Amino acid sequence: MKYFKVIINITLLSLCFLLAACDKPNTPAQQVQKTTAEIRVLYVTSVGWFHDYQQQIKLLSSTIQQSINADVDVIVGDVERLKTTDFSKGYDLLVYNFCHAAQRDEQLVQSLITPVTEKSIPAIALHCAMHSFQFDPQWSEFLGLHTLRHETQRSFNIEKVGDHELVNDISDTWEVASDELYITLSENQKTTPLLKSFGVETKAYHTQAWLYQSGKGQVIGTTLGHNEETLEDENFQLFLSNSIHYLLGKEVLAKELGPETIKNKPSKVNVLTSNVNYPNADEKKCVIHNMFSIGGEKVKACISNRCDNSDNSADNASCTAQCQQDNPWPVPETLREDCQNNVLNSPK
């Protein structure tokens, strides 16, 4: 009889704990709690025609795992996986570090936006993610900022904007050794700028990092990160760490960062994409040359035929934009096989 009383008491005690848990509000921080004391991060990238994304996976994964005890899964390219599967299911944070400037795939855009705007999974967007999907306005609306080009690559100063907790402990002004200063064309009125830089070519300040509520989820974007030197910069790493902590929530991180958790459950990096084939230097040179040559020539011909006869600069600008819209540049991946087979070549 005493045995059955013990069982009943344990059952009632468990029920009390369950009811107490149910009474608590379902805040974003509570949503990412894991019984295994584990946070899961999904890092989405591409093979990299203009960037060394293979090296950046290592650098950024290391920064993430120095900030939190997390497993990092990586998708490289793998567009069909992104379009046809619920790829974000079970993840607490998304990191978008890819370059799809010439892509005009609305289904891909939607698949990347939906986990944030509808499922409340926060995202960090880096560098060329901002120049991706240039002719789909949904993408810049999702990010909270619109940019299409950058100034000449060089060193420049970064300045803090305001005193938001995301820029805590970061230097008021710091210099990146070599990067691309992205030119801000517009930003949503609800966007919170965090970092800015003065462009010597445009003679204006441009937002280099920001926070934005995108639908049900939050996005932190930074246009920095073209070169690995920036990713290794102490201030950049601190900003990235602050961003991770901010998006996941302090209550969860206080538990996840315990020394026993880290010792007993080491984090790992797992590339989900099979047989990733990164381009070599010759392939990059050929693909980039033909991408600009083929795409640029089509646009140039259109402008010459349609736009050059007008004396009105506004009409010319509108006509040029329409030519760019009507004449998509080739997606780099579509040129790769022809470059490998010497159907396409690049200048020696």
C-alpha atoms as a PDB file:
ATOM      1  CA  MET A   1       0.000   0.000   0.000  1.00  0.00           C
ATOM      2  CA  LYS A   2       2.888   2.368   0.857  1.00  0.00           C
ATOM      3  CA  TYR A   3       4.354   1.662  -2.624  1.00  0.00           C
ATOM      4  CA  PHE A   4       1.149   2.823  -4.353  1.00  0.00           C
ATOM      5  CA  LYS A   5       1.064   6.028  -2.240  1.00  0.00           C
ATOM      6  CA  VAL A   6       4.589   6.884  -3.371  1.00  0.00           C
ATOM      7  CA  ILE A   7       3.612   6.344  -7.024  1.00  0.00           C
ATOM      8  CA  ILE A   8       0.528   8.546  -6.593  1.00  0.00           C
ATOM      9  CA  ASN A   9       2.540  11.309  -4.902  1.00  0.00           C
ATOM     10  CA  ILE A  10       5.156  11.275  -7.667  1.00  0.00           C
ATOM     11  CA  THR A  11       2.442  11.405 -10.326  1.00  0.00           C
ATOM     12  CA  LEU A  12       0.735  14.361  -8.638  1.00  0.00           C
ATOM     13  CA  LEU A  13       4.022  16.180  -8.243  1.00  0.00           C
ATOM     14  CA  SER A  14       4.803  15.697 -11.955  1.00  0.00           C
ATOM     15  CA  LEU A  15       1.367  16.968 -12.876  1.00  0.00           C
ATOM     16  CA  CYS A  16       1.932  20.100 -10.787  1.00  0.00           C
ATOM     17  CA  PHE A  17       5.165  20.824 -12.644  1.00  0.00           C
ATOM     18  CA  LEU A  18       3.432  20.363 -15.992  1.00  0.00           C
ATOM     19  CA  LEU A  19       0.584  22.684 -15.025  1.00  0.00           C
ATOM     20  CA  ALA A  20       3.015  25.296 -13.760  1.00  0.00           C
ATOM     21  CA  ALA A  21       4.877  25.183 -17.051  1.00  0.00           C
ATOM     22  CA  CYS A  22       1.668  25.563 -19.020  1.00  0.00           C
ATOM     23  CA  ASP A  23       0.717  28.673 -17.029  1.00  0.00           C
ATOM     24  CA  LYS A  24       3.854  30.516 -18.130  1.00  0.00           C
ATOM     25  CA  PRO A  25       3.617  32.783 -21.200  1.00  0.00           C
ATOM     26  CA  ASN A  26       5.102  31.386 -24.379  1.00  0.00           C
ATOM     27  CA  THR A  27       7.799  34.017 -24.898  1.00  0.00           C
ATOM     28  CA  PRO A  28      10.431  33.744 -27.658  1.00  0.00           C
ATOM     29  CA  ALA A  29      13.067  32.931 -25.043  1.00  0.00           C
ATOM     30  CA  GLN A  30      10.984  30.047 -23.664  1.00  0.00           C
ATOM     31  CA  GLN A  31      10.272  28.690 -27.120  1.00  0.00           C
ATOM     32  CA  VAL A  32      13.932  27.782 -27.666  1.00  0.00           C
ATOM     33  CA  GLN A  33      14.457  25.959 -24.361  1.00  0.00           C
ATOM     34  CA  LYS A  34      15.690  22.401 -24.909  1.00  0.00           C
ATOM     35  CA  THR A  35      15.595  19.553 -22.429  1.00  0.00           C
ATOM     36  CA  THR A  36      19.018  18.540 -23.734  1.00  0.00           C
ATOM     37  CA  ALA A  37      20.460  22.023 -22.985  1.00  0.00           C
ATOM     38  CA  GLU A  38      21.133  22.472 -26.675  1.00  0.00           C
ATOM     39  CA  ILE A  39      20.555  25.301 -29.125  1.00  0.00           C
ATOM     40  CA  ARG A  40      20.402  24.554 -32.845  1.00  0.00           C
ATOM     41  CA  VAL A  41      21.609  27.043 -35.438  1.00  0.00           C
ATOM     42  CA  LEU A  42      21.093  26.655 -39.183  1.00  0.00           C
ATOM     43  CA  TYR A  43      23.702  28.387 -41.341  1.00  0.00           C
ATOM     44  CA  VAL A  44      22.606  28.829 -44.970  1.00  0.00           C
ATOM     45  CA  THR A  45      25.279  29.729 -47.511  1.00  0.00           C
ATOM     46  CA  SER A  46      26.311  29.171 -51.143  1.00  0.00           C
ATOM     47  CA  VAL A  47      29.477  27.874 -52.816  1.00  0.00           C
ATOM     48  CA  GLY A  48      30.826  31.398 -53.287  1.00  0.00           C
ATOM     49  CA  TRP A  49      31.805  32.998 -56.580  1.00  0.00           C
ATOM     50  CA  PHE A  50      32.768  36.349 -55.071  1.00  0.00           C
ATOM     51  CA  HIS A  51      33.598  35.166 -51.533  1.00  0.00           C
ATOM     52  CA  ASP A  52      35.485  32.372 -49.777  1.00  0.00           C
ATOM     53  CA  TYR A  53      32.396  30.845 -48.205  1.00  0.00           C
ATOM     54  CA  GLN A  54      34.201  27.599 -47.388  1.00  0.00           C
ATOM     55  CA  GLN A  55      36.528  29.512 -45.051  1.00  0.00           C
ATOM     56  CA  GLN A  56      33.711  31.700 -43.765  1.00  0.00           C
ATOM     57  CA  ILE A  57      31.764  28.634 -42.600  1.00  0.00           C
ATOM     58  CA  LYS A  58      34.685  27.789 -40.309  1.00  0.00           C
ATOM     59  CA  LEU A  59      35.167  31.336 -39.021  1.00  0.00           C
ATOM     60  CA  LEU A  60      31.517  32.141 -38.380  1.00  0.00           C
ATOM     61  CA  SER A  61      30.709  28.729 -36.879  1.00  0.00           C
ATOM     62  CA  SER A  62      33.615  29.220 -34.503  1.00  0.00           C
ATOM     63  CA  THR A  63      32.334  32.662 -33.475  1.00  0.00           C
ATOM     64  CA  ILE A  64      28.827  31.268 -32.932  1.00  0.00           C
ATOM     65  CA  GLN A  65      30.095  28.407 -30.788  1.00  0.00           C
ATOM     66  CA  GLN A  66      32.341  30.687 -28.764  1.00  0.00           C
ATOM     67  CA  SER A  67      29.225  32.711 -27.966  1.00  0.00           C
ATOM     68  CA  ILE A  68      26.819  29.895 -27.120  1.00  0.00           C
ATOM     69  CA  ASN A  69      26.754  26.154 -26.726  1.00  0.00           C
ATOM     70  CA  ALA A  70      25.105  25.292 -30.039  1.00  0.00           C
ATOM     71  CA  ASP A  71      25.165  22.749 -32.788  1.00  0.00           C
ATOM     72  CA  VAL A  72      25.545  24.424 -36.185  1.00  0.00           C
ATOM     73  CA  ASP A  73      24.093  22.729 -39.245  1.00  0.00           C
ATOM     74  CA  VAL A  74      25.139  24.067 -42.649  1.00  0.00           C
ATOM     75  CA  ILE A  75      23.322  24.096 -45.985  1.00  0.00           C
ATOM     76  CA  VAL A  76      25.559  24.994 -48.938  1.00  0.00           C
ATOM     77  CA  GLY A  77      23.626  25.965 -52.069  1.00  0.00           C
ATOM     78  CA  ASP A  78      21.115  23.101 -52.144  1.00  0.00           C
ATOM     79  CA  VAL A  79      18.353  25.277 -53.566  1.00  0.00           C
ATOM     80  CA  GLU A  80      15.923  22.380 -53.991  1.00  0.00           C
ATOM     81  CA  ARG A  81      16.205  21.486 -50.298  1.00  0.00           C
ATOM     82  CA  LEU A  82      15.416  25.092 -49.394  1.00  0.00           C
ATOM     83  CA  LYS A  83      12.451  25.246 -51.774  1.00  0.00           C
ATOM     84  CA  THR A  84      10.851  21.851 -51.198  1.00  0.00           C
ATOM     85  CA  THR A  85      11.447  20.946 -47.530  1.00  0.00           C
ATOM     86  CA  ASP A  86      10.626  22.453 -44.151  1.00  0.00           C
ATOM     87  CA  PHE A  87      14.343  23.150 -43.770  1.00  0.00           C
ATOM     88  CA  SER A  88      14.022  25.481 -40.759  1.00  0.00           C
ATOM     89  CA  LYS A  89      12.039  23.065 -38.558  1.00  0.00           C
ATOM     90  CA  GLY A  90      13.593  22.547 -35.150  1.00  0.00           C
ATOM     91  CA  TYR A  91      16.098  25.412 -35.364  1.00  0.00           C
ATOM     92  CA  ASP A  92      16.348  28.309 -32.955  1.00  0.00           C
ATOM     93  CA  LEU A  93      18.337  30.701 -35.127  1.00  0.00           C
ATOM     94  CA  LEU A  94      18.977  31.133 -38.856  1.00  0.00           C
ATOM     95  CA  VAL A  95      22.152  32.651 -40.309  1.00  0.00           C
ATOM     96  CA  TYR A  96      21.936  33.742 -43.961  1.00  0.00           C
ATOM     97  CA  ASN A  97      25.377  34.266 -45.517  1.00  0.00           C
ATOM     98  CA  PHE A  98      24.960  33.731 -49.262  1.00  0.00           C
ATOM     99  CA  CYS A  99      25.207  35.639 -52.520  1.00  0.00           C
ATOM    100  CA  HIS A 100      22.323  35.181 -54.988  1.00  0.00           C
ATOM    101  CA  ALA A 101      22.433  38.551 -56.747  1.00  0.00           C
ATOM    102  CA  ALA A 102      21.263  37.240 -60.142  1.00  0.00           C
ATOM    103  CA  GLN A 103      18.667  34.813 -58.785  1.00  0.00           C
ATOM    104  CA  ARG A 104      15.048  35.534 -59.711  1.00  0.00           C
ATOM    105  CA  ASP A 105      13.440  32.550 -58.040  1.00  0.00           C
ATOM    106  CA  GLU A 106      10.341  33.739 -56.172  1.00  0.00           C
ATOM    107  CA  GLN A 107       9.788  30.319 -54.582  1.00  0.00           C
ATOM    108  CA  LEU A 108      13.310  30.391 -53.122  1.00  0.00           C
ATOM    109  CA  VAL A 109      12.768  33.905 -51.785  1.00  0.00           C
ATOM    110  CA  GLN A 110       9.528  32.871 -50.112  1.00  0.00           C
ATOM    111  CA  SER A 111      11.091  29.761 -48.591  1.00  0.00           C
ATOM    112  CA  LEU A 112      13.807  31.880 -46.960  1.00  0.00           C
ATOM    113  CA  ILE A 113      11.424  34.581 -45.728  1.00  0.00           C
ATOM    114  CA  THR A 114       8.634  32.407 -44.307  1.00  0.00           C
ATOM    115  CA  PRO A 115      10.507  30.833 -41.336  1.00  0.00           C
ATOM    116  CA  VAL A 116      11.111  34.331 -39.953  1.00  0.00           C
ATOM    117  CA  THR A 117       7.961  36.211 -40.858  1.00  0.00           C
ATOM    118  CA  GLU A 118       5.491  33.406 -40.123  1.00  0.00           C
ATOM    119  CA  LYS A 119       7.276  30.983 -37.753  1.00  0.00           C
ATOM    120  CA  SER A 120       9.062  33.576 -35.580  1.00  0.00           C
ATOM    121  CA  ILE A 121      12.528  32.042 -36.054  1.00  0.00           C
ATOM    122  CA  PRO A 122      15.021  34.920 -35.743  1.00  0.00           C
ATOM    123  CA  ALA A 123      17.663  35.454 -38.430  1.00  0.00           C
ATOM    124  CA  ILE A 124      21.035  37.105 -38.868  1.00  0.00           C
ATOM    125  CA  ALA A 125      21.716  38.227 -42.450  1.00  0.00           C
ATOM    126  CA  LEU A 126      25.286  38.931 -43.545  1.00  0.00           C
ATOM    127  CA  HIS A 127      26.892  40.969 -46.327  1.00  0.00           C
ATOM    128  CA  CYS A 128      25.874  39.730 -49.809  1.00  0.00           C
ATOM    129  CA  ALA A 129      22.571  38.390 -48.487  1.00  0.00           C
ATOM    130  CA  MET A 130      21.544  42.050 -48.820  1.00  0.00           C
ATOM    131  CA  HIS A 131      22.503  42.118 -52.523  1.00  0.00           C
ATOM    132  CA  SER A 132      20.694  38.859 -53.255  1.00  0.00           C
ATOM    133  CA  PHE A 133      17.420  38.646 -55.205  1.00  0.00           C
ATOM    134  CA  GLN A 134      17.906  42.199 -56.434  1.00  0.00           C
ATOM    135  CA  PHE A 135      14.769  42.285 -58.570  1.00  0.00           C
ATOM    136  CA  ASP A 136      12.375  40.915 -55.947  1.00  0.00           C
ATOM    137  CA  PRO A 137      11.137  43.743 -53.682  1.00  0.00           C
ATOM    138  CA  GLN A 138       9.931  41.187 -51.131  1.00  0.00           C
ATOM    139  CA  TRP A 139      13.546  40.488 -50.173  1.00  0.00           C
ATOM    140  CA  SER A 140      14.524  44.041 -49.218  1.00  0.00           C
ATOM    141  CA  GLU A 141      11.164  44.463 -47.483  1.00  0.00           C
ATOM    142  CA  PHE A 142      11.939  41.336 -45.453  1.00  0.00           C
ATOM    143  CA  LEU A 143      15.384  42.676 -44.478  1.00  0.00           C
ATOM    144  CA  GLY A 144      14.198  46.182 -43.598  1.00  0.00           C
ATOM    145  CA  LEU A 145      16.846  47.854 -45.779  1.00  0.00           C
ATOM    146  CA  HIS A 146      17.463  48.200 -49.522  1.00  0.00           C
ATOM    147  CA  THR A 147      20.938  48.287 -51.107  1.00  0.00           C
ATOM    148  CA  LEU A 148      22.132  47.329 -54.591  1.00  0.00           C
ATOM    149  CA  ARG A 149      25.772  48.375 -54.848  1.00  0.00           C
ATOM    150  CA  HIS A 150      28.850  49.243 -52.828  1.00  0.00           C
ATOM    151  CA  GLU A 151      31.783  51.622 -52.910  1.00  0.00           C
ATOM    152  CA  THR A 152      35.299  50.482 -53.860  1.00  0.00           C
ATOM    153  CA  GLN A 153      36.686  47.867 -51.505  1.00  0.00           C
ATOM    154  CA  ARG A 154      39.023  49.463 -48.938  1.00  0.00           C
ATOM    155  CA  SER A 155      39.472  50.142 -45.235  1.00  0.00           C
ATOM    156  CA  PHE A 156      36.888  52.416 -43.591  1.00  0.00           C
ATOM    157  CA  ASN A 157      35.584  53.378 -40.162  1.00  0.00           C
ATOM    158  CA  ILE A 158      32.515  51.933 -38.456  1.00  0.00           C
ATOM    159  CA  GLU A 159      30.590  54.091 -35.979  1.00  0.00           C
ATOM    160  CA  LYS A 160      28.039  53.086 -33.378  1.00  0.00           C
ATOM    161  CA  VAL A 161      24.539  54.535 -33.736  1.00  0.00           C
ATOM    162  CA  GLY A 162      22.803  55.211 -30.429  1.00  0.00           C
ATOM    163  CA  ASP A 163      23.159  53.105 -27.296  1.00  0.00           C
ATOM    164  CA  HIS A 164      21.179  49.961 -28.104  1.00  0.00           C
ATOM    165  CA  GLU A 165      22.256  46.898 -26.118  1.00  0.00           C
ATOM    166  CA  LEU A 166      23.341  45.255 -29.384  1.00  0.00           C
ATOM    167  CA  VAL A 167      26.319  47.625 -29.548  1.00  0.00           C
ATOM    168  CA  ASN A 168      27.286  47.272 -25.889  1.00  0.00           C
ATOM    169  CA  ASP A 169      31.057  47.009 -25.303  1.00  0.00           C
ATOM    170  CA  ILE A 170      31.812  47.678 -28.979  1.00  0.00           C
ATOM    171  CA  SER A 171      34.230  50.513 -29.716  1.00  0.00           C
ATOM    172  CA  ASP A 172      32.504  53.818 -30.535  1.00  0.00           C
ATOM    173  CA  THR A 173      34.568  53.953 -33.743  1.00  0.00           C
ATOM    174  CA  TRP A 174      36.623  51.148 -35.271  1.00  0.00           C
ATOM    175  CA  GLU A 175      38.234  50.410 -38.602  1.00  0.00           C
ATOM    176  CA  VAL A 176      37.788  47.396 -40.855  1.00  0.00           C
ATOM    177  CA  ALA A 177      40.965  46.528 -42.728  1.00  0.00           C
ATOM    178  CA  SER A 178      39.296  45.884 -46.081  1.00  0.00           C
ATOM    179  CA  ASP A 179      35.619  45.507 -46.862  1.00  0.00           C
ATOM    180  CA  GLU A 180      32.822  46.730 -49.124  1.00  0.00           C
ATOM    181  CA  LEU A 181      30.847  49.728 -47.904  1.00  0.00           C
ATOM    182  CA  TYR A 182      27.291  49.018 -49.011  1.00  0.00           C
ATOM    183  CA  ILE A 183      25.275  52.037 -50.144  1.00  0.00           C
ATOM    184  CA  THR A 184      21.895  52.380 -48.417  1.00  0.00           C
ATOM    185  CA  LEU A 185      19.150  53.249 -50.894  1.00  0.00           C
ATOM    186  CA  SER A 186      16.292  53.153 -48.399  1.00  0.00           C
ATOM    187  CA  GLU A 187      15.342  51.601 -45.081  1.00  0.00           C
ATOM    188  CA  ASN A 188      12.045  50.871 -43.391  1.00  0.00           C
ATOM    189  CA  GLN A 189      10.913  53.552 -40.928  1.00  0.00           C
ATOM    190  CA  LYS A 190      10.776  50.829 -38.242  1.00  0.00           C
ATOM    191  CA  THR A 191      14.377  49.763 -38.873  1.00  0.00           C
ATOM    192  CA  THR A 192      16.736  50.480 -35.980  1.00  0.00           C
ATOM    193  CA  PRO A 193      20.219  51.438 -37.265  1.00  0.00           C
ATOM    194  CA  LEU A 194      23.065  50.110 -35.114  1.00  0.00           C
ATOM    195  CA  LEU A 195      26.270  50.791 -37.075  1.00  0.00           C
ATOM    196  CA  LYS A 196      27.051  53.294 -39.836  1.00  0.00           C
ATOM    197  CA  SER A 197      29.944  54.333 -42.095  1.00  0.00           C
ATOM    198  CA  PHE A 198      30.711  57.425 -44.125  1.00  0.00           C
ATOM    199  CA  GLY A 199      31.215  56.748 -47.828  1.00  0.00           C
ATOM    200  CA  VAL A 200      34.000  58.831 -49.329  1.00  0.00           C
ATOM    201  CA  GLU A 201      32.636  58.233 -52.840  1.00  0.00           C
ATOM    202  CA  THR A 202      28.991  59.009 -52.074  1.00  0.00           C
ATOM    203  CA  LYS A 203      29.779  61.698 -49.450  1.00  0.00           C
ATOM    204  CA  ALA A 204      27.078  60.286 -47.188  1.00  0.00           C
ATOM    205  CA  TYR A 205      26.565  57.973 -44.231  1.00  0.00           C
ATOM    206  CA  HIS A 206      25.236  54.461 -44.869  1.00  0.00           C
ATOM    207  CA  THR A 207      23.783  51.982 -42.391  1.00  0.00           C
ATOM    208  CA  GLN A 208      26.081  48.974 -41.898  1.00  0.00           C
ATOM    209  CA  ALA A 209      24.048  47.066 -39.296  1.00  0.00           C
ATOM    210  CA  TRP A 210      20.452  47.218 -38.085  1.00  0.00           C
ATOM    211  CA  LEU A 211      17.598  45.507 -36.229  1.00  0.00           C
ATOM    212  CA  TYR A 212      14.204  44.968 -37.837  1.00  0.00           C
ATOM    213  CA  GLN A 213      10.950  43.280 -36.859  1.00  0.00           C
ATOM    214  CA  SER A 214      10.042  41.297 -39.983  1.00  0.00           C
ATOM    215  CA  GLY A 215       6.556  39.882 -39.579  1.00  0.00           C
ATOM    216  CA  LYS A 216       6.531  37.636 -36.498  1.00  0.00           C
ATOM    217  CA  GLY A 217      10.312  37.354 -36.296  1.00  0.00           C
ATOM    218  CA  GLN A 218      13.335  39.578 -35.895  1.00  0.00           C
ATOM    219  CA  VAL A 219      16.165  40.171 -38.345  1.00  0.00           C
ATOM    220  CA  ILE A 220      19.582  41.577 -37.549  1.00  0.00           C
ATOM    221  CA  GLY A 221      21.430  42.524 -40.713  1.00  0.00           C
ATOM    222  CA  THR A 222      24.959  43.671 -41.377  1.00  0.00           C
ATOM    223  CA  THR A 223      26.441  44.525 -44.754  1.00  0.00           C
ATOM    224  CA  LEU A 224      29.949  43.835 -43.436  1.00  0.00           C
ATOM    225  CA  GLY A 225      31.803  40.586 -44.064  1.00  0.00           C
ATOM    226  CA  HIS A 226      33.204  40.500 -47.585  1.00  0.00           C
ATOM    227  CA  ASN A 227      36.647  39.488 -46.372  1.00  0.00           C
ATOM    228  CA  GLU A 228      37.738  37.096 -43.671  1.00  0.00           C
ATOM    229  CA  GLU A 229      39.670  39.896 -41.910  1.00  0.00           C
ATOM    230  CA  THR A 230      36.349  41.492 -40.972  1.00  0.00           C
ATOM    231  CA  LEU A 231      34.978  38.215 -39.610  1.00  0.00           C
ATOM    232  CA  GLU A 232      38.067  37.915 -37.402  1.00  0.00           C
ATOM    233  CA  ASP A 233      37.815  41.507 -36.159  1.00  0.00           C
ATOM    234  CA  GLU A 234      37.212  41.690 -32.411  1.00  0.00           C
ATOM    235  CA  ASN A 235      34.452  44.305 -32.683  1.00  0.00           C
ATOM    236  CA  PHE A 236      32.663  42.411 -35.446  1.00  0.00           C
ATOM    237  CA  GLN A 237      32.789  39.187 -33.438  1.00  0.00           C
ATOM    238  CA  LEU A 238      31.431  41.009 -30.400  1.00  0.00           C
ATOM    239  CA  PHE A 239      28.586  42.451 -32.459  1.00  0.00           C
ATOM    240  CA  LEU A 240      27.766  38.995 -33.807  1.00  0.00           C
ATOM    241  CA  SER A 241      27.838  37.535 -30.289  1.00  0.00           C
ATOM    242  CA  ASN A 242      25.567  40.322 -29.013  1.00  0.00           C
ATOM    243  CA  SER A 243      23.189  39.629 -31.907  1.00  0.00           C
ATOM    244  CA  ILE A 244      22.997  35.917 -31.122  1.00  0.00           C
ATOM    245  CA  HIS A 245      22.324  36.575 -27.438  1.00  0.00           C
ATOM    246  CA  TYR A 246      19.726  39.239 -28.202  1.00  0.00           C
ATOM    247  CA  LEU A 247      17.757  37.120 -30.679  1.00  0.00           C
ATOM    248  CA  LEU A 248      17.737  33.947 -28.586  1.00  0.00           C
ATOM    249  CA  GLY A 249      16.931  35.563 -25.250  1.00  0.00           C
ATOM    250  CA  LYS A 250      18.956  35.930 -22.068  1.00  0.00           C
ATOM    251  CA  GLU A 251      16.990  33.501 -19.906  1.00  0.00           C
ATOM    252  CA  VAL A 252      17.753  30.557 -22.157  1.00  0.00           C
ATOM    253  CA  LEU A 253      21.367  31.546 -22.670  1.00  0.00           C
ATOM    254  CA  ALA A 254      22.001  31.822 -18.940  1.00  0.00           C
ATOM    255  CA  LYS A 255      21.168  28.124 -18.656  1.00  0.00           C
ATOM    256  CA  GLU A 256      22.826  27.051 -21.890  1.00  0.00           C
ATOM    257  CA  LEU A 257      26.148  28.703 -21.079  1.00  0.00           C
ATOM    258  CA  GLY A 258      26.795  26.815 -17.847  1.00  0.00           C
ATOM    259  CA  PRO A 259      30.271  25.213 -17.740  1.00  0.00           C
ATOM    260  CA  GLU A 260      28.840  21.760 -17.049  1.00  0.00           C
ATOM    261  CA  THR A 261      26.653  22.011 -20.150  1.00  0.00           C
ATOM    262  CA  ILE A 262      29.597  22.849 -22.376  1.00  0.00           C
ATOM    263  CA  LYS A 263      31.810  20.167 -20.858  1.00  0.00           C
ATOM    264  CA  ASN A 264      29.216  17.413 -21.029  1.00  0.00           C
ATOM    265  CA  LYS A 265      27.707  18.257 -24.405  1.00  0.00           C
ATOM    266  CA  PRO A 266      30.310  19.582 -26.847  1.00  0.00           C
ATOM    267  CA  SER A 267      28.890  21.456 -29.835  1.00  0.00           C
ATOM    268  CA  LYS A 268      29.503  20.396 -33.416  1.00  0.00           C
ATOM    269  CA  VAL A 269      29.321  21.661 -37.012  1.00  0.00           C
ATOM    270  CA  ASN A 270      27.479  19.425 -39.459  1.00  0.00           C
ATOM    271  CA  VAL A 271      27.326  20.132 -43.210  1.00  0.00           C
ATOM    272  CA  LEU A 272      23.955  18.792 -44.376  1.00  0.00           C
ATOM    273  CA  THR A 273      24.653  19.206 -48.094  1.00  0.00           C
ATOM    274  CA  SER A 274      26.321  16.191 -49.686  1.00  0.00           C
ATOM    275  CA  ASN A 275      29.356  16.428 -51.971  1.00  0.00           C
ATOM    276  CA  VAL A 276      29.769  20.194 -51.921  1.00  0.00           C
ATOM    277  CA  ASN A 277      31.903  21.238 -54.894  1.00  0.00           C
ATOM    278  CA  TYR A 278      33.466  24.636 -54.239  1.00  0.00           C
ATOM    279  CA  PRO A 279      34.775  26.445 -57.344  1.00  0.00           C
ATOM    280  CA  ASN A 280      38.495  26.754 -57.893  1.00  0.00           C
ATOM    281  CA  ALA A 281      40.206  30.008 -58.893  1.00  0.00           C
ATOM    282  CA  ASP A 282      39.983  29.341 -62.660  1.00  0.00           C
ATOM    283  CA  GLU A 283      36.284  28.487 -62.457  1.00  0.00           C
ATOM    284  CA  LYS A 284      35.595  31.644 -60.477  1.00  0.00           C
ATOM    285  CA  LYS A 285      37.456  33.782 -62.974  1.00  0.00           C
ATOM    286  CA  CYS A 286      35.636  32.272 -65.955  1.00  0.00           C
ATOM    287  CA  VAL A 287      32.168  32.366 -64.377  1.00  0.00           C
ATOM    288  CA  ILE A 288      32.490  35.942 -63.114  1.00  0.00           C
ATOM    289  CA  HIS A 289      33.874  37.212 -66.427  1.00  0.00           C
ATOM    290  CA  ASN A 290      31.061  35.638 -68.449  1.00  0.00           C
ATOM    291  CA  MET A 291      28.396  36.591 -65.952  1.00  0.00           C
ATOM    292  CA  PHE A 292      29.319  40.265 -66.340  1.00  0.00           C
ATOM    293  CA  SER A 293      30.013  39.955 -70.052  1.00  0.00           C
ATOM    294  CA  ILE A 294      26.794  38.186 -71.022  1.00  0.00           C
ATOM    295  CA  GLY A 295      24.541  40.043 -68.585  1.00  0.00           C
ATOM    296  CA  GLY A 296      26.195  43.414 -69.048  1.00  0.00           C
ATOM    297  CA  GLU A 297      26.148  43.288 -72.840  1.00  0.00           C
ATOM    298  CA  LYS A 298      22.430  42.498 -72.920  1.00  0.00           C
ATOM    299  CA  VAL A 299      21.632  45.406 -70.635  1.00  0.00           C
ATOM    300  CA  LYS A 300      24.001  47.720 -72.505  1.00  0.00           C
ATOM    301  CA  ALA A 301      22.363  46.892 -75.840  1.00  0.00           C
ATOM    302  CA  CYS A 302      18.915  47.498 -74.390  1.00  0.00           C
ATOM    303  CA  ILE A 303      19.944  50.896 -73.027  1.00  0.00           C
ATOM    304  CA  SER A 304      21.472  51.858 -76.354  1.00  0.00           C
ATOM    305  CA  ASN A 305      18.313  50.916 -78.256  1.00  0.00           C
ATOM    306  CA  ARG A 306      15.714  52.233 -75.845  1.00  0.00           C
ATOM    307  CA  CYS A 307      17.119  54.896 -73.589  1.00  0.00           C
ATOM    308  CA  ASP A 308      19.879  56.969 -75.158  1.00  0.00           C
ATOM    309  CA  ASN A 309      17.538  59.054 -77.306  1.00  0.00           C
ATOM    310  CA  SER A 310      15.975  60.856 -74.364  1.00  0.00           C
ATOM    311  CA  ASP A 311      17.342  64.146 -73.010  1.00  0.00           C
ATOM    312  CA  ASN A 312      15.462  63.683 -69.741  1.00  0.00           C
ATOM    313  CA  SER A 313      17.743  62.189 -67.058  1.00  0.00           C
ATOM    314  CA  ALA A 314      14.777  60.883 -65.041  1.00  0.00           C
ATOM    315  CA  ASP A 315      13.408  59.114 -68.103  1.00  0.00           C
ATOM    316  CA  ASN A 316      16.852  57.673 -68.805  1.00  0.00           C
ATOM    317  CA  ALA A 317      17.181  56.378 -65.250  1.00  0.00           C
ATOM    318  CA  SER A 318      13.757  54.767 -65.423  1.00  0.00           C
ATOM    319  CA  CYS A 319      14.514  53.268 -68.835  1.00  0.00           C
ATOM    320  CA  THR A 320      17.863  51.886 -67.614  1.00  0.00           C
ATOM    321  CA  ALA A 321      16.179  50.277 -64.605  1.00  0.00           C
ATOM    322  CA  GLN A 322      13.620  48.692 -66.929  1.00  0.00           C
ATOM    323  CA  CYS A 323      16.400  47.306 -69.150  1.00  0.00           C
ATOM    324  CA  GLN A 324      18.012  45.737 -66.094  1.00  0.00           C
ATOM    325  CA  GLN A 325      14.687  44.276 -65.085  1.00  0.00           C
ATOM    326  CA  ASP A 326      13.984  42.884 -68.558  1.00  0.00           C
ATOM    327  CA  ASN A 327      17.436  41.389 -69.134  1.00  0.00           C
ATOM    328  CA  PRO A 328      18.417  39.136 -66.235  1.00  0.00           C
ATOM    329  CA  TRP A 329      22.057  38.255 -65.828  1.00  0.00           C
ATOM    330  CA  PRO A 330      22.919  34.555 -65.881  1.00  0.00           C
ATOM    331  CA  VAL A 331      23.010  32.789 -62.522  1.00  0.00           C
ATOM    332  CA  PRO A 332      26.661  31.773 -61.895  1.00  0.00           C
ATOM    333  CA  GLU A 333      25.882  28.091 -61.426  1.00  0.00           C
ATOM    334  CA  THR A 334      24.411  27.937 -64.947  1.00  0.00           C
ATOM    335  CA  LEU A 335      27.776  28.962 -66.432  1.00  0.00           C
ATOM    336  CA  ARG A 336      29.978  26.595 -64.462  1.00  0.00           C
ATOM    337  CA  GLU A 337      29.747  23.503 -66.671  1.00  0.00           C
ATOM    338  CA  ASP A 338      30.514  25.504 -69.827  1.00  0.00           C
ATOM    339  CA  CYS A 339      33.553  26.988 -68.102  1.00  0.00           C
ATOM    340  CA  GLN A 340      34.731  23.534 -67.038  1.00  0.00           C
ATOM    341  CA  ASN A 341      34.346  22.241 -70.602  1.00  0.00           C
ATOM    342  CA  ASN A 342      36.025  25.309 -72.133  1.00  0.00           C
ATOM    343  CA  VAL A 343      32.857  26.302 -73.974  1.00  0.00           C
ATOM    344  CA  LEU A 344      33.246  29.582 -72.120  1.00  0.00           C
ATOM    345  CA  ASN A 345      36.586  31.138 -71.310  1.00  0.00           C
ATOM    346  CA  SER A 346      38.012  34.127 -69.514  1.00  0.00           C
ATOM    347  CA  PRO A 347      40.845  36.471 -70.509  1.00  0.00           C
ATOM    348  CA  LYS A 348      44.303  35.106 -69.727  1.00  0.00           C
END
